[in-house]
Amino acid sequence: MPINTSNIDLVIQFSLLVAGDEDDYTDRQLGPIHIIKYVYLADLSFARSNNGQSFTGIDWQFYKFGPWSQEVNARIEPALNAIHANRRQFASDYDDKEDWVRWDLRDDILLDEKRHVLPSAITSSLKPLIHKFGKDTPSLLDYVYKTKPMLIAAPNEFLDLSLEVDNTQKTLECAHTLRMNNLSNRKKKDFKQKLASLRELHKQKKTVAPKLVNPVINPRYDDVYDAGIAWLESLAGEPFTSCNITAKFSSDVWKSTTRKGDDVS
C-alpha cells in the first residue's frame, strides 16, 4: 500500500487537537515523539478492523524509541503549520541533544471537523489514549512497546500490523453456533433451561450481602507481636547486599516466546 500523506497529516492534526481539548494547558503540548507514537496507534486501531491494513500506508519499524517512521516525522511540521498550531522550542536538559519542540492548539470546531473525516475505528480508540498518556513519554513508550507487533519484532525490523487482528472471539462464536446447530430441539431446550437456572442462581448470589469479619479495634503491639514479625522476616533468608552488576543478553532474546505473551509487563 502506498504512503498516504493526506491521511498522515490528518492523524497528526487530530492528535494535537485532541490533546488541545485537555483542561490543563501543560497537558495540551505534544512533542514529535508523542505525535509519532499516536500515529502508530491510529494505524494499529485501524488495522484491527481492516484485516491488518494500515490507514497511512506507513511501514513502521522497530527503532530506538519503539515504532518509528521518518515519513511521519517529516510530516509533523507541515501538517501542524497548515492548521496554524503553536510551536515552542526549549533548551534540552542534555548537552548532546537537540532542543525540545512542543506543539499545541485548541480549536473545538477544527477538532470536530477532523473527527468526522477520520474513521471511527481511529477516533474512538485514539482519543482515550491521548487523554490517558498525553505527553507522558515513559508511560506512552511502555504502552507502545507492549503492542503485539513490537513484541514479535527485533530492533530495526518492520512491524506486522496484522498481528493485532484477533480472530479468537469470532472462531469461538462460530464454533458455538455450529455446536448448537447440531443439537436436537430437545437438547437445545434443556440447554436453555439450564442456562436460565445458572443465571438466576448467579443473580441470587449477588443479592446476598457478604459476611465481614469485625476488625480488631485495639491491636496489641507487644513483645509477642515483635517476635512474630521477626520470625516472618527470617523466613525470607539473609538480606540482599547492594552491588553493581553488568548483564549481557543474547540477541536471540528479541525472538523469545516470553516477549509474545499477553502477560508481558
C-alpha atoms as a PDB file:
ATOM      1  CA  MET A   1       0.000   0.000   0.000  1.00  0.00           C
ATOM      2  CA  PRO A   2       1.493   3.405  -0.960  1.00  0.00           C
ATOM      3  CA  ILE A   3       2.014   6.057   1.691  1.00  0.00           C
ATOM      4  CA  ASN A   4      -0.985   8.352   2.037  1.00  0.00           C
ATOM      5  CA  THR A   5       0.376  11.774   3.037  1.00  0.00           C
ATOM      6  CA  SER A   6      -3.103  13.258   3.496  1.00  0.00           C
ATOM      7  CA  ASN A   7      -4.024  10.553   5.991  1.00  0.00           C
ATOM      8  CA  ILE A   8      -0.751  11.033   7.883  1.00  0.00           C
ATOM      9  CA  ASP A   9      -1.395  14.780   8.160  1.00  0.00           C
ATOM     10  CA  LEU A  10      -4.972  14.153   9.244  1.00  0.00           C
ATOM     11  CA  VAL A  11      -3.960  11.871  12.140  1.00  0.00           C
ATOM     12  CA  ILE A  12      -1.178  14.263  13.217  1.00  0.00           C
ATOM     13  CA  GLN A  13      -3.602  17.184  13.299  1.00  0.00           C
ATOM     14  CA  PHE A  14      -6.317  15.195  15.073  1.00  0.00           C
ATOM     15  CA  SER A  15      -3.852  14.006  17.749  1.00  0.00           C
ATOM     16  CA  LEU A  16      -2.748  17.535  18.595  1.00  0.00           C
ATOM     17  CA  LEU A  17      -6.322  18.860  18.583  1.00  0.00           C
ATOM     18  CA  VAL A  18      -7.431  16.091  20.960  1.00  0.00           C
ATOM     19  CA  ALA A  19      -4.578  16.994  23.307  1.00  0.00           C
ATOM     20  CA  GLY A  20      -5.650  20.632  22.961  1.00  0.00           C
ATOM     21  CA  ASP A  21      -9.005  19.702  24.446  1.00  0.00           C
ATOM     22  CA  GLU A  22      -7.417  18.974  27.848  1.00  0.00           C
ATOM     23  CA  ASP A  23      -8.256  21.289  30.754  1.00  0.00           C
ATOM     24  CA  ASP A  24      -4.676  21.864  31.891  1.00  0.00           C
ATOM     25  CA  TYR A  25      -2.678  23.985  29.462  1.00  0.00           C
ATOM     26  CA  THR A  26       0.530  21.983  30.027  1.00  0.00           C
ATOM     27  CA  ASP A  27      -1.288  18.773  29.052  1.00  0.00           C
ATOM     28  CA  ARG A  28      -2.083  20.203  25.608  1.00  0.00           C
ATOM     29  CA  GLN A  29       1.531  20.210  24.434  1.00  0.00           C
ATOM     30  CA  LEU A  30       2.894  17.311  22.381  1.00  0.00           C
ATOM     31  CA  GLY A  31       6.378  16.723  21.028  1.00  0.00           C
ATOM     32  CA  PRO A  32       7.400  14.827  17.878  1.00  0.00           C
ATOM     33  CA  ILE A  33       7.992  11.589  19.802  1.00  0.00           C
ATOM     34  CA  HIS A  34       4.434  11.655  21.168  1.00  0.00           C
ATOM     35  CA  ILE A  35       2.850  12.501  17.820  1.00  0.00           C
ATOM     36  CA  ILE A  36       4.711   9.711  16.008  1.00  0.00           C
ATOM     37  CA  LYS A  37       3.548   7.160  18.579  1.00  0.00           C
ATOM     38  CA  TYR A  38      -0.062   8.337  18.296  1.00  0.00           C
ATOM     39  CA  VAL A  39       0.030   7.965  14.516  1.00  0.00           C
ATOM     40  CA  TYR A  40       1.313   4.414  15.057  1.00  0.00           C
ATOM     41  CA  LEU A  41      -1.524   3.693  17.493  1.00  0.00           C
ATOM     42  CA  ALA A  42      -4.004   5.095  14.967  1.00  0.00           C
ATOM     43  CA  ASP A  43      -2.681   2.704  12.319  1.00  0.00           C
ATOM     44  CA  LEU A  44      -2.867  -0.120  14.852  1.00  0.00           C
ATOM     45  CA  SER A  45      -6.502   0.627  15.685  1.00  0.00           C
ATOM     46  CA  PHE A  46      -7.413   0.847  12.006  1.00  0.00           C
ATOM     47  CA  ALA A  47      -5.611  -2.440  11.270  1.00  0.00           C
ATOM     48  CA  ARG A  48      -7.639  -4.325  13.897  1.00  0.00           C
ATOM     49  CA  SER A  49     -10.882  -3.835  11.986  1.00  0.00           C
ATOM     50  CA  ASN A  50      -9.413  -3.776   8.467  1.00  0.00           C
ATOM     51  CA  ASN A  51      -7.575  -7.093   8.206  1.00  0.00           C
ATOM     52  CA  GLY A  52      -4.218  -5.635   9.203  1.00  0.00           C
ATOM     53  CA  GLN A  53      -4.376  -2.812   6.678  1.00  0.00           C
ATOM     54  CA  SER A  54      -2.653   0.456   7.622  1.00  0.00           C
ATOM     55  CA  PHE A  55      -4.552   3.762   7.407  1.00  0.00           C
ATOM     56  CA  THR A  56      -1.451   5.781   6.474  1.00  0.00           C
ATOM     57  CA  GLY A  57       0.389   3.187   4.384  1.00  0.00           C
ATOM     58  CA  ILE A  58       3.464   3.563   6.606  1.00  0.00           C
ATOM     59  CA  ASP A  59       5.885   0.653   7.040  1.00  0.00           C
ATOM     60  CA  TRP A  60       6.517   1.005  10.759  1.00  0.00           C
ATOM     61  CA  GLN A  61       9.930  -0.014  12.041  1.00  0.00           C
ATOM     62  CA  PHE A  62      11.215  -1.069  15.470  1.00  0.00           C
ATOM     63  CA  TYR A  63      13.755   1.670  16.164  1.00  0.00           C
ATOM     64  CA  LYS A  64      15.393   3.150  19.285  1.00  0.00           C
ATOM     65  CA  PHE A  65      12.228   4.523  20.843  1.00  0.00           C
ATOM     66  CA  GLY A  66       9.767   1.918  19.647  1.00  0.00           C
ATOM     67  CA  PRO A  67       7.682   2.264  16.448  1.00  0.00           C
ATOM     68  CA  TRP A  68       9.306   4.767  14.121  1.00  0.00           C
ATOM     69  CA  SER A  69       8.711   6.312  10.699  1.00  0.00           C
ATOM     70  CA  GLN A  70      10.836   9.004   9.126  1.00  0.00           C
ATOM     71  CA  GLU A  71       7.936   9.813   6.780  1.00  0.00           C
ATOM     72  CA  VAL A  72       5.693  10.661   9.737  1.00  0.00           C
ATOM     73  CA  ASN A  73       8.461  12.646  11.424  1.00  0.00           C
ATOM     74  CA  ALA A  74       8.924  14.704   8.258  1.00  0.00           C
ATOM     75  CA  ARG A  75       5.187  15.478   8.035  1.00  0.00           C
ATOM     76  CA  ILE A  76       4.759  16.842  11.580  1.00  0.00           C
ATOM     77  CA  GLU A  77       5.853  20.409  10.878  1.00  0.00           C
ATOM     78  CA  PRO A  78       3.995  20.947   7.564  1.00  0.00           C
ATOM     79  CA  ALA A  79       0.854  19.246   8.892  1.00  0.00           C
ATOM     80  CA  LEU A  80       0.733  21.385  12.033  1.00  0.00           C
ATOM     81  CA  ASN A  81       1.728  24.581  10.258  1.00  0.00           C
ATOM     82  CA  ALA A  82      -1.252  24.013   7.957  1.00  0.00           C
ATOM     83  CA  ILE A  83      -3.645  24.364  10.924  1.00  0.00           C
ATOM     84  CA  HIS A  84      -1.611  27.211  12.464  1.00  0.00           C
ATOM     85  CA  ALA A  85      -0.569  25.276  15.570  1.00  0.00           C
ATOM     86  CA  ASN A  86       1.667  26.947  18.139  1.00  0.00           C
ATOM     87  CA  ARG A  87       5.309  25.814  18.091  1.00  0.00           C
ATOM     88  CA  ARG A  88       7.564  26.222  21.107  1.00  0.00           C
ATOM     89  CA  GLN A  89      11.229  25.348  21.427  1.00  0.00           C
ATOM     90  CA  PHE A  90      13.018  24.641  24.705  1.00  0.00           C
ATOM     91  CA  ALA A  91      16.638  24.000  25.585  1.00  0.00           C
ATOM     92  CA  SER A  92      17.305  20.293  26.149  1.00  0.00           C
ATOM     93  CA  ASP A  93      18.449  19.041  29.544  1.00  0.00           C
ATOM     94  CA  TYR A  94      21.159  17.063  27.762  1.00  0.00           C
ATOM     95  CA  ASP A  95      24.200  18.716  26.185  1.00  0.00           C
ATOM     96  CA  ASP A  96      24.367  16.238  23.310  1.00  0.00           C
ATOM     97  CA  LYS A  97      20.670  16.504  22.388  1.00  0.00           C
ATOM     98  CA  GLU A  98      18.836  18.967  20.176  1.00  0.00           C
ATOM     99  CA  ASP A  99      16.371  21.462  21.651  1.00  0.00           C
ATOM    100  CA  TRP A 100      12.934  20.153  22.555  1.00  0.00           C
ATOM    101  CA  VAL A 101       9.981  21.138  20.394  1.00  0.00           C
ATOM    102  CA  ARG A 102       6.401  21.222  21.650  1.00  0.00           C
ATOM    103  CA  TRP A 103       3.216  21.920  19.697  1.00  0.00           C
ATOM    104  CA  ASP A 104      -0.227  22.903  20.952  1.00  0.00           C
ATOM    105  CA  LEU A 105      -3.559  24.098  19.547  1.00  0.00           C
ATOM    106  CA  ARG A 106      -7.050  24.389  20.999  1.00  0.00           C
ATOM    107  CA  ASP A 107      -9.785  24.591  18.376  1.00  0.00           C
ATOM    108  CA  ASP A 108     -13.078  22.799  19.066  1.00  0.00           C
ATOM    109  CA  ILE A 109     -14.527  23.481  15.620  1.00  0.00           C
ATOM    110  CA  LEU A 110     -11.468  22.125  13.814  1.00  0.00           C
ATOM    111  CA  LEU A 111     -11.339  19.111  16.145  1.00  0.00           C
ATOM    112  CA  ASP A 112     -14.947  18.267  15.300  1.00  0.00           C
ATOM    113  CA  GLU A 113     -14.173  18.659  11.599  1.00  0.00           C
ATOM    114  CA  LYS A 114     -11.208  16.248  11.739  1.00  0.00           C
ATOM    115  CA  ARG A 115     -13.182  13.785  13.850  1.00  0.00           C
ATOM    116  CA  HIS A 116     -15.863  13.474  11.182  1.00  0.00           C
ATOM    117  CA  VAL A 117     -13.300  12.848   8.420  1.00  0.00           C
ATOM    118  CA  LEU A 118     -11.345  10.129  10.234  1.00  0.00           C
ATOM    119  CA  PRO A 119     -12.633   6.531  10.506  1.00  0.00           C
ATOM    120  CA  SER A 120     -14.432   5.832  13.777  1.00  0.00           C
ATOM    121  CA  ALA A 121     -12.024   2.943  14.432  1.00  0.00           C
ATOM    122  CA  ILE A 122      -9.304   5.557  14.892  1.00  0.00           C
ATOM    123  CA  THR A 123     -11.191   8.340  16.683  1.00  0.00           C
ATOM    124  CA  SER A 124     -12.865   6.022  19.206  1.00  0.00           C
ATOM    125  CA  SER A 125      -9.576   4.452  20.311  1.00  0.00           C
ATOM    126  CA  LEU A 126      -7.083   7.278  19.849  1.00  0.00           C
ATOM    127  CA  LYS A 127      -8.920   9.938  21.869  1.00  0.00           C
ATOM    128  CA  PRO A 128      -8.918   7.988  25.179  1.00  0.00           C
ATOM    129  CA  LEU A 129      -5.266   7.017  24.648  1.00  0.00           C
ATOM    130  CA  ILE A 130      -4.235  10.649  24.180  1.00  0.00           C
ATOM    131  CA  HIS A 131      -6.277  11.619  27.228  1.00  0.00           C
ATOM    132  CA  LYS A 132      -4.594   8.856  29.243  1.00  0.00           C
ATOM    133  CA  PHE A 133      -0.964   9.351  28.196  1.00  0.00           C
ATOM    134  CA  GLY A 134      -0.788  12.862  26.720  1.00  0.00           C
ATOM    135  CA  LYS A 135       2.839  13.976  26.836  1.00  0.00           C
ATOM    136  CA  ASP A 136       3.812  11.369  29.474  1.00  0.00           C
ATOM    137  CA  THR A 137       6.691   9.912  27.458  1.00  0.00           C
ATOM    138  CA  PRO A 138       7.651   6.949  29.726  1.00  0.00           C
ATOM    139  CA  SER A 139       4.059   5.676  30.031  1.00  0.00           C
ATOM    140  CA  LEU A 140       3.370   6.130  26.330  1.00  0.00           C
ATOM    141  CA  LEU A 141       6.567   4.321  25.328  1.00  0.00           C
ATOM    142  CA  ASP A 142       5.811   1.497  27.757  1.00  0.00           C
ATOM    143  CA  TYR A 143       2.366   1.096  26.179  1.00  0.00           C
ATOM    144  CA  VAL A 144       3.557   1.000  22.571  1.00  0.00           C
ATOM    145  CA  TYR A 145       6.442  -1.330  23.427  1.00  0.00           C
ATOM    146  CA  LYS A 146       3.881  -3.888  24.625  1.00  0.00           C
ATOM    147  CA  THR A 147       1.759  -3.889  21.463  1.00  0.00           C
ATOM    148  CA  LYS A 148       1.834  -7.214  19.609  1.00  0.00           C
ATOM    149  CA  PRO A 149       3.799  -6.051  16.540  1.00  0.00           C
ATOM    150  CA  MET A 150       6.544  -4.705  18.826  1.00  0.00           C
ATOM    151  CA  LEU A 151       6.719  -7.866  20.952  1.00  0.00           C
ATOM    152  CA  ILE A 152       7.221 -10.021  17.871  1.00  0.00           C
ATOM    153  CA  ALA A 153       9.837  -7.840  16.165  1.00  0.00           C
ATOM    154  CA  ALA A 154      13.533  -7.299  16.863  1.00  0.00           C
ATOM    155  CA  PRO A 155      15.301  -3.918  16.572  1.00  0.00           C
ATOM    156  CA  ASN A 156      15.358  -2.497  13.022  1.00  0.00           C
ATOM    157  CA  GLU A 157      12.736  -4.972  11.774  1.00  0.00           C
ATOM    158  CA  PHE A 158       9.492  -3.763  10.197  1.00  0.00           C
ATOM    159  CA  LEU A 159       6.313  -4.258  12.200  1.00  0.00           C
ATOM    160  CA  ASP A 160       3.459  -6.520  11.166  1.00  0.00           C
ATOM    161  CA  LEU A 161       0.207  -4.718  11.996  1.00  0.00           C
ATOM    162  CA  SER A 162      -1.855  -7.759  11.020  1.00  0.00           C
ATOM    163  CA  LEU A 163      -0.835  -9.330  14.342  1.00  0.00           C
ATOM    164  CA  GLU A 164      -3.388  -7.034  16.000  1.00  0.00           C
ATOM    165  CA  VAL A 165      -6.248  -8.721  14.151  1.00  0.00           C
ATOM    166  CA  ASP A 166      -7.791 -11.032  16.750  1.00  0.00           C
ATOM    167  CA  ASN A 167      -9.915 -13.799  15.258  1.00  0.00           C
ATOM    168  CA  THR A 168     -10.175 -15.759  18.521  1.00  0.00           C
ATOM    169  CA  GLN A 169     -13.577 -14.422  19.502  1.00  0.00           C
ATOM    170  CA  LYS A 170     -15.008 -14.944  16.010  1.00  0.00           C
ATOM    171  CA  THR A 171     -13.682 -18.508  15.993  1.00  0.00           C
ATOM    172  CA  LEU A 172     -15.291 -19.244  19.363  1.00  0.00           C
ATOM    173  CA  GLU A 173     -18.605 -17.754  18.238  1.00  0.00           C
ATOM    174  CA  CYS A 174     -18.594 -19.820  15.039  1.00  0.00           C
ATOM    175  CA  ALA A 175     -17.751 -22.987  16.969  1.00  0.00           C
ATOM    176  CA  HIS A 176     -20.579 -22.312  19.427  1.00  0.00           C
ATOM    177  CA  THR A 177     -23.052 -21.735  16.580  1.00  0.00           C
ATOM    178  CA  LEU A 178     -22.022 -24.964  14.868  1.00  0.00           C
ATOM    179  CA  ARG A 179     -22.388 -26.967  18.086  1.00  0.00           C
ATOM    180  CA  MET A 180     -25.849 -25.509  18.730  1.00  0.00           C
ATOM    181  CA  ASN A 181     -26.969 -26.227  15.166  1.00  0.00           C
ATOM    182  CA  ASN A 182     -26.010 -29.872  15.575  1.00  0.00           C
ATOM    183  CA  LEU A 183     -28.163 -30.327  18.685  1.00  0.00           C
ATOM    184  CA  SER A 184     -31.701 -31.679  18.613  1.00  0.00           C
ATOM    185  CA  ASN A 185     -34.585 -29.377  19.557  1.00  0.00           C
ATOM    186  CA  ARG A 186     -34.963 -31.182  22.892  1.00  0.00           C
ATOM    187  CA  LYS A 187     -31.286 -30.745  23.786  1.00  0.00           C
ATOM    188  CA  LYS A 188     -31.435 -27.084  22.786  1.00  0.00           C
ATOM    189  CA  LYS A 189     -34.413 -26.614  25.107  1.00  0.00           C
ATOM    190  CA  ASP A 190     -32.634 -28.388  28.001  1.00  0.00           C
ATOM    191  CA  PHE A 191     -29.538 -26.264  27.428  1.00  0.00           C
ATOM    192  CA  LYS A 192     -31.513 -23.013  27.527  1.00  0.00           C
ATOM    193  CA  GLN A 193     -33.309 -24.085  30.731  1.00  0.00           C
ATOM    194  CA  LYS A 194     -30.024 -24.913  32.478  1.00  0.00           C
ATOM    195  CA  LEU A 195     -28.516 -21.643  31.323  1.00  0.00           C
ATOM    196  CA  ALA A 196     -31.508 -19.737  32.691  1.00  0.00           C
ATOM    197  CA  SER A 197     -31.152 -21.573  36.045  1.00  0.00           C
ATOM    198  CA  LEU A 198     -27.468 -20.662  36.267  1.00  0.00           C
ATOM    199  CA  ARG A 199     -28.243 -17.016  35.554  1.00  0.00           C
ATOM    200  CA  GLU A 200     -30.935 -16.981  38.257  1.00  0.00           C
ATOM    201  CA  LEU A 201     -28.559 -18.596  40.751  1.00  0.00           C
ATOM    202  CA  HIS A 202     -25.866 -16.031  39.940  1.00  0.00           C
ATOM    203  CA  LYS A 203     -28.409 -13.234  40.372  1.00  0.00           C
ATOM    204  CA  GLN A 204     -29.424 -14.542  43.811  1.00  0.00           C
ATOM    205  CA  LYS A 205     -25.807 -14.787  44.969  1.00  0.00           C
ATOM    206  CA  LYS A 206     -25.209 -11.168  44.016  1.00  0.00           C
ATOM    207  CA  THR A 207     -28.103 -10.019  46.221  1.00  0.00           C
ATOM    208  CA  VAL A 208     -26.762 -11.780  49.338  1.00  0.00           C
ATOM    209  CA  ALA A 209     -24.603  -9.453  51.399  1.00  0.00           C
ATOM    210  CA  PRO A 210     -21.217 -10.975  52.242  1.00  0.00           C
ATOM    211  CA  LYS A 211     -20.352 -11.583  55.890  1.00  0.00           C
ATOM    212  CA  LEU A 212     -17.472  -9.458  57.045  1.00  0.00           C
ATOM    213  CA  VAL A 213     -15.153 -10.180  59.935  1.00  0.00           C
ATOM    214  CA  ASN A 214     -15.078  -7.424  62.502  1.00  0.00           C
ATOM    215  CA  PRO A 215     -11.672  -5.763  62.614  1.00  0.00           C
ATOM    216  CA  VAL A 216      -9.595  -5.716  65.761  1.00  0.00           C
ATOM    217  CA  ILE A 217     -10.341  -2.385  67.413  1.00  0.00           C
ATOM    218  CA  ASN A 218      -7.225  -2.189  69.566  1.00  0.00           C
ATOM    219  CA  PRO A 219      -4.439  -4.374  68.106  1.00  0.00           C
ATOM    220  CA  ARG A 220      -1.680  -5.391  70.521  1.00  0.00           C
ATOM    221  CA  TYR A 221       1.831  -4.256  69.649  1.00  0.00           C
ATOM    222  CA  ASP A 222       3.880  -6.069  72.297  1.00  0.00           C
ATOM    223  CA  ASP A 223       6.867  -8.416  72.552  1.00  0.00           C
ATOM    224  CA  VAL A 224       4.846 -11.307  71.116  1.00  0.00           C
ATOM    225  CA  TYR A 225       3.941  -9.189  68.081  1.00  0.00           C
ATOM    226  CA  ASP A 226       7.567  -8.099  67.567  1.00  0.00           C
ATOM    227  CA  ALA A 227       8.794 -11.682  67.876  1.00  0.00           C
ATOM    228  CA  GLY A 228       6.245 -12.848  65.313  1.00  0.00           C
ATOM    229  CA  ILE A 229       7.265 -10.166  62.810  1.00  0.00           C
ATOM    230  CA  ALA A 230      10.946 -11.012  63.316  1.00  0.00           C
ATOM    231  CA  TRP A 231      10.216 -14.714  62.712  1.00  0.00           C
ATOM    232  CA  LEU A 232       8.273 -13.979  59.487  1.00  0.00           C
ATOM    233  CA  GLU A 233      11.101 -11.799  58.171  1.00  0.00           C
ATOM    234  CA  SER A 234      13.643 -14.516  58.993  1.00  0.00           C
ATOM    235  CA  LEU A 235      11.830 -16.881  56.595  1.00  0.00           C
ATOM    236  CA  ALA A 236      12.977 -14.691  53.696  1.00  0.00           C
ATOM    237  CA  GLY A 237      16.618 -15.559  54.434  1.00  0.00           C
ATOM    238  CA  GLU A 238      19.560 -13.251  54.605  1.00  0.00           C
ATOM    239  CA  PRO A 239      19.011  -9.661  53.421  1.00  0.00           C
ATOM    240  CA  PHE A 240      20.330  -8.718  49.979  1.00  0.00           C
ATOM    241  CA  THR A 241      23.544  -6.771  49.740  1.00  0.00           C
ATOM    242  CA  SER A 242      23.675  -3.889  47.256  1.00  0.00           C
ATOM    243  CA  CYS A 243      26.167  -4.103  44.392  1.00  0.00           C
ATOM    244  CA  ASN A 244      26.622  -3.126  40.750  1.00  0.00           C
ATOM    245  CA  ILE A 245      26.441  -5.845  38.110  1.00  0.00           C
ATOM    246  CA  THR A 246      26.535  -5.912  34.310  1.00  0.00           C
ATOM    247  CA  ALA A 247      24.099  -8.216  32.498  1.00  0.00           C
ATOM    248  CA  LYS A 248      24.576  -9.310  28.895  1.00  0.00           C
ATOM    249  CA  PHE A 249      21.783 -10.769  26.804  1.00  0.00           C
ATOM    250  CA  SER A 250      21.923 -12.678  23.555  1.00  0.00           C
ATOM    251  CA  SER A 251      20.259 -11.021  20.563  1.00  0.00           C
ATOM    252  CA  ASP A 252      18.002 -14.110  20.475  1.00  0.00           C
ATOM    253  CA  VAL A 253      16.049 -12.593  23.362  1.00  0.00           C
ATOM    254  CA  TRP A 254      14.071 -10.466  20.873  1.00  0.00           C
ATOM    255  CA  LYS A 255      12.538 -13.629  19.412  1.00  0.00           C
ATOM    256  CA  SER A 256      11.942 -15.287  22.762  1.00  0.00           C
ATOM    257  CA  THR A 257       8.448 -16.595  23.468  1.00  0.00           C
ATOM    258  CA  THR A 258       8.485 -14.698  26.774  1.00  0.00           C
ATOM    259  CA  ARG A 259       8.074 -11.432  24.815  1.00  0.00           C
ATOM    260  CA  LYS A 260       4.989 -12.681  22.995  1.00  0.00           C
ATOM    261  CA  GLY A 261       2.657 -13.476  25.876  1.00  0.00           C
ATOM    262  CA  ASP A 262      -0.329 -11.417  26.976  1.00  0.00           C
ATOM    263  CA  ASP A 263       1.132 -11.062  30.473  1.00  0.00           C
ATOM    264  CA  VAL A 264       4.263  -9.143  29.458  1.00  0.00           C
ATOM    265  CA  SER A 265       4.897  -6.383  31.962  1.00  0.00           C
END
